Every structure is written in C-alpha cells, then in structure tokens.
N, C-alpha and C. Protein backbone atom coordinates (compact mmCIF):
# COMPACT_ATOMS: atom_id res chain seq x y z
N MET A 1 6.95 -1.60 -14.24
CA MET A 1 7.89 -2.17 -13.40
C MET A 1 8.93 -1.09 -13.39
N SER A 2 9.51 -0.57 -12.00
CA SER A 2 10.34 0.45 -11.86
C SER A 2 11.77 0.02 -12.28
N LYS A 3 12.59 1.13 -12.53
CA LYS A 3 13.84 1.15 -13.12
C LYS A 3 14.80 1.27 -11.75
N ILE A 4 14.27 1.37 -10.68
CA ILE A 4 14.87 2.05 -9.32
C ILE A 4 14.96 0.42 -8.64
N THR A 5 16.59 0.01 -8.22
CA THR A 5 16.89 -0.96 -7.38
C THR A 5 16.93 -0.81 -6.25
N TRP A 6 15.77 -1.44 -5.47
CA TRP A 6 15.76 -1.63 -4.17
C TRP A 6 16.50 -2.43 -3.40
N ASN A 7 16.85 -2.32 -2.17
CA ASN A 7 17.82 -3.28 -1.17
C ASN A 7 16.98 -4.29 -0.88
N LEU A 8 15.86 -4.16 -0.49
CA LEU A 8 14.74 -5.24 -0.20
C LEU A 8 13.95 -5.79 -1.16
N SER A 9 13.48 -6.96 -1.10
CA SER A 9 12.92 -7.46 -2.07
C SER A 9 11.14 -6.90 -2.23
N LEU A 10 10.78 -7.30 -3.19
CA LEU A 10 9.36 -6.69 -3.03
C LEU A 10 8.43 -7.46 -2.10
N GLU A 11 8.59 -8.85 -1.74
CA GLU A 11 7.91 -9.38 -0.64
C GLU A 11 8.18 -8.82 0.74
N LYS A 12 9.39 -8.60 0.67
CA LYS A 12 9.97 -7.79 2.30
C LYS A 12 9.23 -6.48 2.35
N CYS A 13 9.25 -5.65 1.32
CA CYS A 13 8.85 -4.52 1.38
C CYS A 13 6.97 -4.64 1.56
N PHE A 14 6.54 -5.68 0.84
CA PHE A 14 5.04 -5.79 1.12
C PHE A 14 4.97 -6.05 2.82
N GLU A 15 5.65 -7.16 3.19
CA GLU A 15 5.55 -7.37 4.68
C GLU A 15 5.73 -6.29 5.60
N ILE A 16 6.80 -5.56 5.40
CA ILE A 16 6.91 -4.17 6.07
C ILE A 16 5.79 -3.32 6.15
N ILE A 17 5.32 -3.28 5.29
CA ILE A 17 4.24 -2.20 5.14
C ILE A 17 3.08 -2.57 5.32
N GLN A 18 2.79 -3.73 5.16
CA GLN A 18 1.16 -4.19 5.70
C GLN A 18 1.49 -4.25 7.12
N TYR A 19 2.13 -4.72 7.81
CA TYR A 19 2.30 -5.02 9.56
C TYR A 19 2.24 -3.86 9.90
N THR A 20 3.24 -2.81 9.49
CA THR A 20 3.30 -1.36 10.13
C THR A 20 1.98 -0.64 9.70
N LEU A 21 1.11 -0.68 8.44
CA LEU A 21 0.02 -0.28 8.38
C LEU A 21 -1.03 -0.62 9.55
N ILE A 22 -0.87 -2.01 9.43
CA ILE A 22 -1.96 -2.71 10.27
C ILE A 22 -1.80 -2.27 12.00
N ASP A 23 -0.61 -2.27 12.29
CA ASP A 23 -0.05 -1.76 13.54
C ASP A 23 -0.48 -0.51 13.87
N ILE A 24 -0.17 0.51 13.18
CA ILE A 24 -0.59 1.83 13.23
C ILE A 24 -2.18 2.06 13.20
N LEU A 25 -2.85 1.55 12.47
CA LEU A 25 -4.20 1.66 12.48
C LEU A 25 -5.08 0.77 13.71
N SER A 26 -4.53 -0.35 14.00
CA SER A 26 -4.91 -0.86 15.34
C SER A 26 -4.66 -0.19 16.51
N GLU A 27 -3.83 0.65 16.68
CA GLU A 27 -3.41 1.42 17.80
C GLU A 27 -4.36 2.60 18.08
N ASN A 28 -5.16 2.73 17.03
CA ASN A 28 -6.13 3.65 17.13
C ASN A 28 -7.50 3.40 17.28
N LYS A 29 -8.31 3.77 18.90
CA LYS A 29 -9.33 3.35 19.20
C LYS A 29 -10.45 3.01 18.05
N THR A 30 -10.50 3.92 16.88
CA THR A 30 -11.39 3.86 15.93
C THR A 30 -10.86 3.21 14.62
N LYS A 31 -9.75 2.27 14.92
CA LYS A 31 -8.98 1.86 13.94
C LYS A 31 -9.11 2.44 12.39
N SER A 32 -8.93 3.73 12.77
CA SER A 32 -9.06 4.56 11.56
C SER A 32 -8.08 5.92 11.44
N LEU A 33 -7.42 6.62 10.40
CA LEU A 33 -6.82 7.69 10.34
C LEU A 33 -6.73 8.25 9.11
N ASN A 34 -6.50 9.84 9.50
CA ASN A 34 -6.35 10.09 8.13
C ASN A 34 -5.27 9.91 7.18
N ILE A 35 -5.39 9.86 5.96
CA ILE A 35 -3.92 9.24 5.24
C ILE A 35 -2.87 9.94 5.34
N ASP A 36 -2.98 11.28 5.45
CA ASP A 36 -1.74 11.99 5.73
C ASP A 36 -0.96 11.73 7.01
N LYS A 37 -1.72 11.41 8.01
CA LYS A 37 -1.00 11.07 9.57
C LYS A 37 -0.59 9.69 9.14
N LEU A 38 -1.12 8.83 8.38
CA LEU A 38 -0.90 7.43 8.47
C LEU A 38 0.33 7.53 7.53
N VAL A 39 0.39 7.99 6.70
CA VAL A 39 1.77 8.17 5.58
C VAL A 39 2.97 8.74 6.57
N GLU A 40 2.81 9.81 7.59
CA GLU A 40 3.77 10.46 8.23
C GLU A 40 4.14 9.04 9.42
N LEU A 41 3.27 8.35 9.95
CA LEU A 41 3.47 7.38 10.94
C LEU A 41 4.36 6.30 10.21
N LEU A 42 3.94 5.88 8.96
CA LEU A 42 4.64 4.76 8.10
C LEU A 42 6.12 5.25 8.07
N ASN A 43 6.27 6.31 7.45
CA ASN A 43 7.71 6.75 7.28
C ASN A 43 8.54 6.86 8.49
N GLN A 44 8.07 7.54 9.69
CA GLN A 44 8.57 7.65 11.15
C GLN A 44 8.96 5.96 11.47
N ARG A 45 8.06 5.28 11.39
CA ARG A 45 8.35 3.59 11.85
C ARG A 45 9.21 2.94 11.18
N THR A 46 9.26 3.19 9.68
CA THR A 46 10.01 2.43 9.07
C THR A 46 11.21 2.90 8.32
N LYS A 47 11.86 4.02 9.16
CA LYS A 47 13.06 4.82 8.52
C LYS A 47 14.33 4.04 9.13
N ILE A 48 14.15 3.02 10.08
CA ILE A 48 15.15 2.01 10.19
C ILE A 48 15.71 1.23 9.16
N TYR A 49 14.95 0.93 7.88
CA TYR A 49 15.20 -0.06 7.03
C TYR A 49 16.14 1.21 5.70
N LYS A 50 16.88 0.83 5.31
CA LYS A 50 17.83 1.15 4.08
C LYS A 50 17.00 0.59 3.07
N LEU A 51 15.96 1.25 2.63
CA LEU A 51 15.34 0.87 1.21
C LEU A 51 16.06 0.89 0.06
N HIS A 52 16.87 2.22 -0.03
CA HIS A 52 17.40 2.49 -1.24
C HIS A 52 19.05 3.31 -0.98
N ASN A 53 19.76 3.07 -1.80
CA ASN A 53 21.36 3.93 -1.37
C ASN A 53 20.99 5.47 -1.44
N SER A 54 20.06 5.78 -2.17
CA SER A 54 19.84 7.40 -2.71
C SER A 54 18.86 7.82 -1.51
N LYS A 55 19.12 8.71 -0.67
CA LYS A 55 18.49 9.42 0.53
C LYS A 55 17.04 9.81 -0.26
N LYS A 56 16.71 10.13 -1.42
CA LYS A 56 15.78 10.52 -2.17
C LYS A 56 14.79 9.77 -2.13
N TYR A 57 15.24 8.46 -2.19
CA TYR A 57 14.22 7.29 -2.30
C TYR A 57 14.05 6.27 -0.92
N ASN A 58 14.59 6.85 -0.05
CA ASN A 58 14.73 6.05 1.24
C ASN A 58 13.63 6.00 2.22
N SER A 59 12.19 6.14 1.41
CA SER A 59 11.26 6.20 2.61
C SER A 59 10.20 5.32 1.69
N PHE A 60 9.35 4.61 2.68
CA PHE A 60 8.32 3.75 2.02
C PHE A 60 7.08 4.28 1.24
N SER A 61 6.79 5.72 1.59
CA SER A 61 5.90 6.68 0.81
C SER A 61 6.42 6.87 -0.43
N LYS A 62 7.61 6.74 -0.70
CA LYS A 62 8.50 7.07 -2.03
C LYS A 62 8.13 5.85 -2.77
N TYR A 63 8.58 4.89 -1.92
CA TYR A 63 8.64 3.28 -2.56
C TYR A 63 7.33 3.18 -3.05
N LEU A 64 6.02 3.29 -2.12
CA LEU A 64 4.74 3.05 -2.46
C LEU A 64 4.07 4.09 -3.81
N LYS A 65 4.61 5.16 -4.10
CA LYS A 65 4.60 5.93 -5.15
C LYS A 65 4.83 5.45 -6.22
N ILE A 66 6.31 4.97 -6.29
CA ILE A 66 6.78 4.52 -7.45
C ILE A 66 6.53 3.09 -8.02
N GLU A 67 6.15 2.29 -7.03
CA GLU A 67 5.80 0.74 -7.23
C GLU A 67 4.11 0.64 -7.25
N TYR A 68 3.43 1.40 -6.55
CA TYR A 68 2.23 1.21 -6.86
C TYR A 68 1.44 2.47 -7.03
N ASN A 69 1.75 3.35 -7.34
CA ASN A 69 1.18 4.77 -8.07
C ASN A 69 0.50 5.49 -6.46
N GLY A 70 1.05 5.10 -5.41
CA GLY A 70 0.45 6.08 -4.26
C GLY A 70 0.27 5.03 -3.16
N ILE A 71 -0.18 5.32 -2.15
CA ILE A 71 -0.23 4.35 -0.87
C ILE A 71 -1.94 4.04 -1.12
N LEU A 72 -2.58 4.98 -1.60
CA LEU A 72 -4.05 5.07 -1.82
C LEU A 72 -4.44 3.56 -2.60
N ASN A 73 -3.70 3.54 -3.88
CA ASN A 73 -3.85 2.35 -4.87
C ASN A 73 -3.16 1.33 -4.05
N PHE A 74 -2.40 1.34 -3.15
CA PHE A 74 -1.97 -0.05 -2.51
C PHE A 74 -2.96 -0.62 -1.60
N ILE A 75 -3.49 0.39 -0.88
CA ILE A 75 -4.51 0.17 0.27
C ILE A 75 -5.69 -0.45 -0.52
N GLU A 76 -6.15 0.31 -1.54
CA GLU A 76 -7.52 -0.28 -2.31
C GLU A 76 -7.53 -1.74 -2.84
N ASN A 77 -6.46 -2.26 -2.78
CA ASN A 77 -6.06 -3.85 -3.38
C ASN A 77 -6.59 -4.62 -2.45
N TYR A 78 -6.90 -4.01 -1.07
CA TYR A 78 -6.99 -5.38 0.14
C TYR A 78 -8.37 -4.85 0.80
N ASN A 79 -9.29 -6.00 0.82
CA ASN A 79 -10.53 -5.93 1.43
C ASN A 79 -10.62 -5.45 2.88
N PHE A 80 -9.22 -5.77 3.61
CA PHE A 80 -9.56 -5.15 5.30
C PHE A 80 -9.15 -3.93 5.54
N TYR A 81 -9.04 -2.80 4.37
CA TYR A 81 -8.61 -1.47 4.28
C TYR A 81 -10.19 -0.72 4.06
N GLY A 82 -10.62 0.39 4.52
CA GLY A 82 -11.50 0.87 3.86
C GLY A 82 -11.32 2.21 3.67
N VAL A 83 -11.85 2.98 2.58
CA VAL A 83 -11.32 4.50 2.38
C VAL A 83 -12.44 5.04 2.27
N VAL A 84 -12.34 6.55 3.06
CA VAL A 84 -13.66 7.11 3.36
C VAL A 84 -13.16 8.57 2.83
N LYS A 85 -13.66 9.04 1.79
CA LYS A 85 -13.35 10.36 1.43
C LYS A 85 -14.27 11.34 2.09
N THR A 86 -13.88 12.25 2.59
CA THR A 86 -14.55 13.27 3.34
C THR A 86 -14.06 14.61 2.92
N HIS A 87 -14.89 15.79 3.40
CA HIS A 87 -14.36 17.29 3.03
C HIS A 87 -13.07 17.35 3.86
N ASN A 88 -12.80 16.76 4.94
CA ASN A 88 -11.70 17.10 5.59
C ASN A 88 -10.48 16.21 5.10
N GLY A 89 -10.36 15.21 3.99
CA GLY A 89 -9.56 14.64 3.58
C GLY A 89 -10.03 13.13 3.38
N ILE A 90 -9.06 12.00 3.55
CA ILE A 90 -9.23 10.82 3.04
C ILE A 90 -8.96 9.98 4.50
N ILE A 91 -9.72 9.48 4.92
CA ILE A 91 -9.57 8.39 6.04
C ILE A 91 -9.64 6.95 5.70
N ILE A 92 -8.22 6.43 6.07
CA ILE A 92 -8.21 4.77 6.15
C ILE A 92 -8.64 4.33 7.34
N LYS A 93 -9.55 3.14 7.15
CA LYS A 93 -10.09 2.26 8.44
C LYS A 93 -9.56 0.74 7.97
N LEU A 94 -9.24 0.40 9.31
CA LEU A 94 -9.06 -1.08 9.13
C LEU A 94 -9.77 -1.82 9.79
N TYR A 95 -10.33 -2.87 8.70
CA TYR A 95 -11.43 -3.96 9.55
C TYR A 95 -10.61 -5.06 9.88
N SER A 96 -10.28 -5.01 11.18
CA SER A 96 -9.24 -6.14 11.63
C SER A 96 -10.19 -7.65 11.55
N ASN A 97 -11.27 -7.68 11.63
CA ASN A 97 -11.69 -8.95 11.55
C ASN A 97 -11.54 -9.51 10.18
N LEU A 98 -11.11 -8.68 9.25
CA LEU A 98 -11.12 -9.39 7.94
C LEU A 98 -9.39 -9.90 7.77
N VAL A 99 -8.74 -9.63 8.80
CA VAL A 99 -7.05 -9.58 8.61
C VAL A 99 -6.85 -10.65 9.23
N ASP A 100 -6.02 -11.42 8.33
CA ASP A 100 -5.39 -12.96 8.92
C ASP A 100 -3.90 -12.80 8.73
N LEU A 101 -3.25 -12.41 9.92
CA LEU A 101 -2.12 -12.18 9.73
C LEU A 101 -1.19 -13.32 9.64
N ASN A 102 -1.77 -14.37 9.40
CA ASN A 102 -0.66 -15.54 9.11
C ASN A 102 -0.89 -15.84 7.46
N ASP A 103 -1.99 -15.29 7.05
CA ASP A 103 -1.77 -15.41 5.83
C ASP A 103 -1.85 -14.05 4.75
N LEU A 104 -0.84 -13.19 5.21
CA LEU A 104 -0.53 -12.03 4.40
C LEU A 104 0.81 -12.80 3.40
N LYS A 105 0.44 -12.48 2.28
CA LYS A 105 1.49 -12.95 1.39
C LYS A 105 1.48 -11.92 0.31
N TYR A 106 2.68 -11.65 -0.32
CA TYR A 106 2.85 -10.56 -1.33
C TYR A 106 2.18 -11.59 -2.73
N THR A 107 1.15 -11.31 -3.53
CA THR A 107 0.87 -12.11 -4.56
C THR A 107 1.19 -11.35 -5.69
N GLY A 108 1.92 -10.22 -5.95
CA GLY A 108 2.20 -9.46 -7.04
C GLY A 108 1.67 -8.04 -7.09
N LYS A 109 2.08 -7.29 -7.79
CA LYS A 109 1.35 -6.17 -8.39
C LYS A 109 0.46 -6.37 -9.27
N ARG A 110 -0.61 -5.45 -9.44
CA ARG A 110 -1.57 -5.41 -10.41
C ARG A 110 -0.78 -5.35 -12.18
N ILE A 111 -1.50 -6.02 -12.90
CA ILE A 111 -0.84 -5.82 -14.25
C ILE A 111 -1.09 -4.70 -15.19
N THR A 112 -2.33 -4.07 -14.53
CA THR A 112 -2.56 -2.70 -15.44
C THR A 112 -2.19 -1.53 -14.29
N LYS A 113 -1.82 -0.38 -14.89
CA LYS A 113 -1.52 0.68 -14.06
C LYS A 113 -2.97 1.50 -13.83
N ASP A 114 -3.87 1.48 -14.67
CA ASP A 114 -5.05 2.12 -14.15
C ASP A 114 -6.03 0.97 -13.38
N SER A 115 -7.31 1.79 -13.13
CA SER A 115 -8.31 0.89 -12.37
C SER A 115 -9.18 0.32 -13.35
N GLU A 116 -9.22 0.82 -14.29
CA GLU A 116 -10.46 0.23 -15.29
C GLU A 116 -10.41 -1.23 -15.66
N TRP A 117 -11.43 -1.88 -15.94
CA TRP A 117 -11.48 -3.17 -16.50
C TRP A 117 -11.22 -2.62 -17.87
N ILE A 118 -10.73 -4.16 -18.30
CA ILE A 118 -10.58 -4.31 -20.04
C ILE A 118 -11.13 -5.44 -20.45
N MET A 119 -12.38 -5.43 -21.22
CA MET A 119 -12.99 -6.45 -21.52
C MET A 119 -12.46 -7.13 -22.74
N ILE A 120 -12.34 -8.62 -22.87
CA ILE A 120 -12.04 -9.20 -24.27
C ILE A 120 -12.89 -10.08 -24.55
N ASP A 121 -13.01 -9.93 -25.62
CA ASP A 121 -14.20 -11.02 -26.28
C ASP A 121 -13.22 -12.39 -26.67
N GLU A 122 -14.28 -13.25 -27.28
CA GLU A 122 -13.73 -14.60 -27.38
C GLU A 122 -12.54 -14.58 -28.28
N LEU A 123 -12.54 -13.79 -29.33
CA LEU A 123 -11.56 -13.62 -30.27
C LEU A 123 -10.27 -12.99 -29.75
N GLY A 124 -10.40 -12.52 -28.57
CA GLY A 124 -9.32 -11.61 -28.22
C GLY A 124 -9.03 -10.13 -28.50
N GLU A 125 -10.12 -9.65 -28.71
CA GLU A 125 -10.35 -8.04 -29.46
C GLU A 125 -10.92 -7.44 -27.98
N GLU A 126 -10.41 -6.36 -27.86
CA GLU A 126 -10.79 -5.57 -26.88
C GLU A 126 -12.31 -4.80 -26.90
N SER A 127 -13.16 -4.68 -25.84
CA SER A 127 -14.37 -4.00 -26.17
C SER A 127 -14.44 -2.98 -25.55
C-alpha cells in the first residue's frame, strides 16, 4: 500500500486508466501501440485530472508506477491486453472482442508484489 494520498479513489483511477487505455488503443487501426507512446498519450489525455496536490505525482504514469509497480504490471493483469516484446521495444495490443465495457470493475490490487506463485501445503507451510 502506498503512503501517498491521492485525490481520487482507487476505483475512479482504475476507471479512468482503463477507459483511456482502451480508447487510445481502439483508435489505432491495429489496436496496438508501443508502450512508450501509450504512456505518453495516457498522460496527455488524463492531465485534466488533479490526481495529487504535488505536481511531482500528478500523472497517471506516476500513479501506475507507485500503485502497480508500472504500467506493464497493470496491463498484464487483464486478458484483453496483449504484451509483445520485440527488438524495438514493447507493444501493447488490445483484444477488443474480450472487453466488456459494462463489466469493467476495480477488483483490488494483487496481494503480492511479485509475479511468482507461492504454494502452500495443507499444513500452511510454504513449499
């Protein structure tokens, strides 16, 4: 949990980020974009929101870095985005057929910071 106090709720930030990312990717004919360009457009389109009282933290890319350890970690949690790593960088693709705009809900963040699975046996001991 971050120690930063945001002006918007986690649910509202989630909604703004998801709808903005979906809009940006949907506008592209291939429904894909380089991650650097995606972040740039996300920040441009969401600069109208006063996310934090400090200018240092007043962008959604900073929010994603602090709350989700980056945009890539955020995106990888959803099956309607694809991540393609190429020699030119990382491409994010939208699978619009998997997106249900009426069912986009904030379900909370991951409880672990890493992407590793922790197996627990019946006795409650890690394996």
